[in-house]
Amino acid sequence: MTDKQKCKWCGEYFIKTHHSQKYCSDYCRKNARAEQSRNKAHRWYHRHKHELSEKTRWGLGSGYLGKHRYTNFDKELKTIQTEFKRLRLKKIK
Protein backbone atom coordinates (compact mmCIF):
# COMPACT_ATOMS: atom_id res chain seq x y z
CA MET A 1 0.00 0.00 0.00
CA THR A 2 2.04 2.97 -1.26
CA ASP A 3 -0.73 5.37 -2.22
CA LYS A 4 0.40 8.98 -2.22
CA GLN A 5 -2.20 11.37 -0.93
CA LYS A 6 -2.33 15.14 -0.53
CA CYS A 7 -2.97 16.21 3.08
CA LYS A 8 -6.35 17.95 3.34
CA TRP A 9 -4.98 20.35 5.96
CA CYS A 10 -1.46 21.40 4.95
CA GLY A 11 -1.43 20.28 1.31
CA GLU A 12 1.78 18.23 1.50
CA TYR A 13 2.01 14.80 -0.08
CA PHE A 14 2.41 11.75 2.16
CA ILE A 15 2.25 7.98 1.93
CA LYS A 16 -0.97 6.58 3.34
CA THR A 17 -0.67 3.97 6.08
CA HIS A 18 -4.42 3.31 6.14
CA HIS A 19 -6.93 3.31 3.29
CA SER A 20 -9.03 6.08 4.85
CA GLN A 21 -6.18 8.35 6.00
CA LYS A 22 -6.72 11.99 4.97
CA TYR A 23 -4.06 13.87 6.94
CA CYS A 24 -0.29 13.51 7.04
CA SER A 25 0.05 13.81 10.84
CA ASP A 26 -1.85 14.01 14.12
CA TYR A 27 -1.16 17.76 14.16
CA CYS A 28 -2.98 18.28 10.85
CA ARG A 29 -5.80 15.93 11.84
CA LYS A 30 -6.38 17.74 15.15
CA ASN A 31 -6.28 21.19 13.56
CA ALA A 32 -8.70 20.15 10.84
CA ARG A 33 -11.06 18.66 13.44
CA ALA A 34 -10.92 21.84 15.54
CA GLU A 35 -11.78 23.95 12.50
CA GLN A 36 -14.68 21.64 11.64
CA SER A 37 -16.01 22.00 15.20
CA ARG A 38 -15.73 25.82 15.05
CA ASN A 39 -17.55 25.91 11.72
CA LYS A 40 -20.28 23.61 13.00
CA ALA A 41 -20.81 25.78 16.10
CA HIS A 42 -20.87 28.91 13.93
CA ARG A 43 -23.50 27.44 11.61
CA TRP A 44 -25.61 26.23 14.55
CA TYR A 45 -25.51 29.66 16.21
CA HIS A 46 -26.63 31.47 13.05
CA ARG A 47 -29.44 28.95 12.46
CA HIS A 48 -30.77 29.15 16.03
CA LYS A 49 -29.85 32.65 17.27
CA HIS A 50 -33.46 33.84 17.05
CA GLU A 51 -34.40 31.12 19.59
CA LEU A 52 -31.75 32.07 22.16
CA SER A 53 -32.39 34.43 25.05
CA GLU A 54 -30.60 37.79 25.11
CA LYS A 55 -28.51 36.65 28.06
CA THR A 56 -27.26 33.58 26.20
CA ARG A 57 -26.93 35.37 22.90
CA TRP A 58 -24.78 38.25 24.07
CA GLY A 59 -22.99 36.49 26.92
CA LEU A 60 -24.32 38.81 29.60
CA GLY A 61 -23.96 37.79 33.20
CA SER A 62 -21.63 35.23 34.58
CA GLY A 63 -21.41 31.71 35.83
CA TYR A 64 -18.91 32.78 38.49
CA LEU A 65 -21.38 34.50 40.81
CA GLY A 66 -23.60 32.11 42.70
CA LYS A 67 -27.30 32.53 43.42
CA HIS A 68 -26.61 33.23 47.07
CA ARG A 69 -24.21 35.74 48.53
CA TYR A 70 -21.44 34.97 51.00
CA THR A 71 -22.13 35.74 54.66
CA ASN A 72 -18.50 36.87 54.94
CA PHE A 73 -18.49 40.44 53.57
CA ASP A 74 -14.80 40.42 52.56
CA LYS A 75 -15.22 37.21 50.56
CA GLU A 76 -18.34 38.60 48.83
CA LEU A 77 -16.55 41.88 47.99
CA LYS A 78 -13.55 40.00 46.57
CA THR A 79 -15.86 37.85 44.41
CA ILE A 80 -17.68 40.91 43.05
CA GLN A 81 -14.42 42.75 42.34
CA THR A 82 -13.06 39.71 40.50
CA GLU A 83 -16.23 39.56 38.39
CA PHE A 84 -16.00 43.28 37.56
CA LYS A 85 -12.39 42.78 36.49
CA ARG A 86 -13.29 39.74 34.37
CA LEU A 87 -16.08 41.68 32.61
CA ARG A 88 -13.79 44.74 32.22
CA LEU A 89 -16.21 47.04 34.05
CA LYS A 90 -15.37 50.10 36.14
CA LYS A 91 -14.49 49.37 39.75
CA ILE A 92 -16.91 49.87 42.61
CA LYS A 93 -16.11 52.97 44.63
C-alpha atoms as a PDB file:
ATOM      1  CA  MET A   1       0.000   0.000   0.000  1.00  0.00           C
ATOM      2  CA  THR A   2       2.040   2.969  -1.260  1.00  0.00           C
ATOM      3  CA  ASP A   3      -0.728   5.369  -2.224  1.00  0.00           C
ATOM      4  CA  LYS A   4       0.402   8.980  -2.218  1.00  0.00           C
ATOM      5  CA  GLN A   5      -2.197  11.368  -0.926  1.00  0.00           C
ATOM      6  CA  LYS A   6      -2.328  15.144  -0.535  1.00  0.00           C
ATOM      7  CA  CYS A   7      -2.974  16.206   3.075  1.00  0.00           C
ATOM      8  CA  LYS A   8      -6.348  17.947   3.341  1.00  0.00           C
ATOM      9  CA  TRP A   9      -4.984  20.351   5.963  1.00  0.00           C
ATOM     10  CA  CYS A  10      -1.458  21.403   4.950  1.00  0.00           C
ATOM     11  CA  GLY A  11      -1.428  20.277   1.310  1.00  0.00           C
ATOM     12  CA  GLU A  12       1.781  18.235   1.501  1.00  0.00           C
ATOM     13  CA  TYR A  13       2.012  14.799  -0.078  1.00  0.00           C
ATOM     14  CA  PHE A  14       2.414  11.749   2.163  1.00  0.00           C
ATOM     15  CA  ILE A  15       2.255   7.976   1.930  1.00  0.00           C
ATOM     16  CA  LYS A  16      -0.970   6.579   3.335  1.00  0.00           C
ATOM     17  CA  THR A  17      -0.669   3.968   6.077  1.00  0.00           C
ATOM     18  CA  HIS A  18      -4.418   3.305   6.139  1.00  0.00           C
ATOM     19  CA  HIS A  19      -6.929   3.310   3.285  1.00  0.00           C
ATOM     20  CA  SER A  20      -9.026   6.083   4.847  1.00  0.00           C
ATOM     21  CA  GLN A  21      -6.177   8.347   6.001  1.00  0.00           C
ATOM     22  CA  LYS A  22      -6.719  11.994   4.968  1.00  0.00           C
ATOM     23  CA  TYR A  23      -4.056  13.875   6.936  1.00  0.00           C
ATOM     24  CA  CYS A  24      -0.289  13.505   7.043  1.00  0.00           C
ATOM     25  CA  SER A  25       0.049  13.808  10.839  1.00  0.00           C
ATOM     26  CA  ASP A  26      -1.853  14.008  14.115  1.00  0.00           C
ATOM     27  CA  TYR A  27      -1.156  17.756  14.157  1.00  0.00           C
ATOM     28  CA  CYS A  28      -2.978  18.276  10.849  1.00  0.00           C
ATOM     29  CA  ARG A  29      -5.803  15.932  11.839  1.00  0.00           C
ATOM     30  CA  LYS A  30      -6.375  17.740  15.154  1.00  0.00           C
ATOM     31  CA  ASN A  31      -6.284  21.193  13.564  1.00  0.00           C
ATOM     32  CA  ALA A  32      -8.701  20.148  10.840  1.00  0.00           C
ATOM     33  CA  ARG A  33     -11.057  18.663  13.442  1.00  0.00           C
ATOM     34  CA  ALA A  34     -10.917  21.843  15.543  1.00  0.00           C
ATOM     35  CA  GLU A  35     -11.777  23.949  12.500  1.00  0.00           C
ATOM     36  CA  GLN A  36     -14.677  21.642  11.639  1.00  0.00           C
ATOM     37  CA  SER A  37     -16.009  21.999  15.196  1.00  0.00           C
ATOM     38  CA  ARG A  38     -15.733  25.820  15.047  1.00  0.00           C
ATOM     39  CA  ASN A  39     -17.545  25.906  11.717  1.00  0.00           C
ATOM     40  CA  LYS A  40     -20.284  23.611  12.996  1.00  0.00           C
ATOM     41  CA  ALA A  41     -20.812  25.780  16.100  1.00  0.00           C
ATOM     42  CA  HIS A  42     -20.869  28.915  13.927  1.00  0.00           C
ATOM     43  CA  ARG A  43     -23.503  27.437  11.613  1.00  0.00           C
ATOM     44  CA  TRP A  44     -25.608  26.227  14.551  1.00  0.00           C
ATOM     45  CA  TYR A  45     -25.511  29.658  16.208  1.00  0.00           C
ATOM     46  CA  HIS A  46     -26.634  31.466  13.053  1.00  0.00           C
ATOM     47  CA  ARG A  47     -29.437  28.948  12.457  1.00  0.00           C
ATOM     48  CA  HIS A  48     -30.768  29.154  16.035  1.00  0.00           C
ATOM     49  CA  LYS A  49     -29.851  32.646  17.272  1.00  0.00           C
ATOM     50  CA  HIS A  50     -33.455  33.838  17.051  1.00  0.00           C
ATOM     51  CA  GLU A  51     -34.398  31.122  19.587  1.00  0.00           C
ATOM     52  CA  LEU A  52     -31.746  32.073  22.157  1.00  0.00           C
ATOM     53  CA  SER A  53     -32.392  34.425  25.049  1.00  0.00           C
ATOM     54  CA  GLU A  54     -30.602  37.789  25.105  1.00  0.00           C
ATOM     55  CA  LYS A  55     -28.513  36.648  28.059  1.00  0.00           C
ATOM     56  CA  THR A  56     -27.263  33.579  26.201  1.00  0.00           C
ATOM     57  CA  ARG A  57     -26.925  35.372  22.896  1.00  0.00           C
ATOM     58  CA  TRP A  58     -24.785  38.254  24.072  1.00  0.00           C
ATOM     59  CA  GLY A  59     -22.988  36.485  26.924  1.00  0.00           C
ATOM     60  CA  LEU A  60     -24.316  38.810  29.600  1.00  0.00           C
ATOM     61  CA  GLY A  61     -23.962  37.792  33.200  1.00  0.00           C
ATOM     62  CA  SER A  62     -21.634  35.226  34.575  1.00  0.00           C
ATOM     63  CA  GLY A  63     -21.405  31.708  35.829  1.00  0.00           C
ATOM     64  CA  TYR A  64     -18.907  32.783  38.490  1.00  0.00           C
ATOM     65  CA  LEU A  65     -21.379  34.497  40.810  1.00  0.00           C
ATOM     66  CA  GLY A  66     -23.601  32.111  42.700  1.00  0.00           C
ATOM     67  CA  LYS A  67     -27.304  32.532  43.417  1.00  0.00           C
ATOM     68  CA  HIS A  68     -26.606  33.230  47.073  1.00  0.00           C
ATOM     69  CA  ARG A  69     -24.205  35.742  48.528  1.00  0.00           C
ATOM     70  CA  TYR A  70     -21.440  34.969  51.000  1.00  0.00           C
ATOM     71  CA  THR A  71     -22.128  35.743  54.662  1.00  0.00           C
ATOM     72  CA  ASN A  72     -18.500  36.868  54.939  1.00  0.00           C
ATOM     73  CA  PHE A  73     -18.486  40.442  53.574  1.00  0.00           C
ATOM     74  CA  ASP A  74     -14.799  40.415  52.558  1.00  0.00           C
ATOM     75  CA  LYS A  75     -15.224  37.206  50.562  1.00  0.00           C
ATOM     76  CA  GLU A  76     -18.339  38.604  48.835  1.00  0.00           C
ATOM     77  CA  LEU A  77     -16.553  41.878  47.992  1.00  0.00           C
ATOM     78  CA  LYS A  78     -13.549  39.996  46.573  1.00  0.00           C
ATOM     79  CA  THR A  79     -15.860  37.849  44.407  1.00  0.00           C
ATOM     80  CA  ILE A  80     -17.682  40.909  43.048  1.00  0.00           C
ATOM     81  CA  GLN A  81     -14.422  42.752  42.342  1.00  0.00           C
ATOM     82  CA  THR A  82     -13.063  39.708  40.498  1.00  0.00           C
ATOM     83  CA  GLU A  83     -16.232  39.561  38.392  1.00  0.00           C
ATOM     84  CA  PHE A  84     -15.999  43.275  37.563  1.00  0.00           C
ATOM     85  CA  LYS A  85     -12.394  42.779  36.489  1.00  0.00           C
ATOM     86  CA  ARG A  86     -13.292  39.736  34.367  1.00  0.00           C
ATOM     87  CA  LEU A  87     -16.079  41.676  32.607  1.00  0.00           C
ATOM     88  CA  ARG A  88     -13.794  44.737  32.224  1.00  0.00           C
ATOM     89  CA  LEU A  89     -16.206  47.043  34.046  1.00  0.00           C
ATOM     90  CA  LYS A  90     -15.370  50.100  36.136  1.00  0.00           C
ATOM     91  CA  LYS A  91     -14.490  49.366  39.746  1.00  0.00           C
ATOM     92  CA  ILE A  92     -16.906  49.872  42.608  1.00  0.00           C
ATOM     93  CA  LYS A  93     -16.112  52.973  44.631  1.00  0.00           C
END
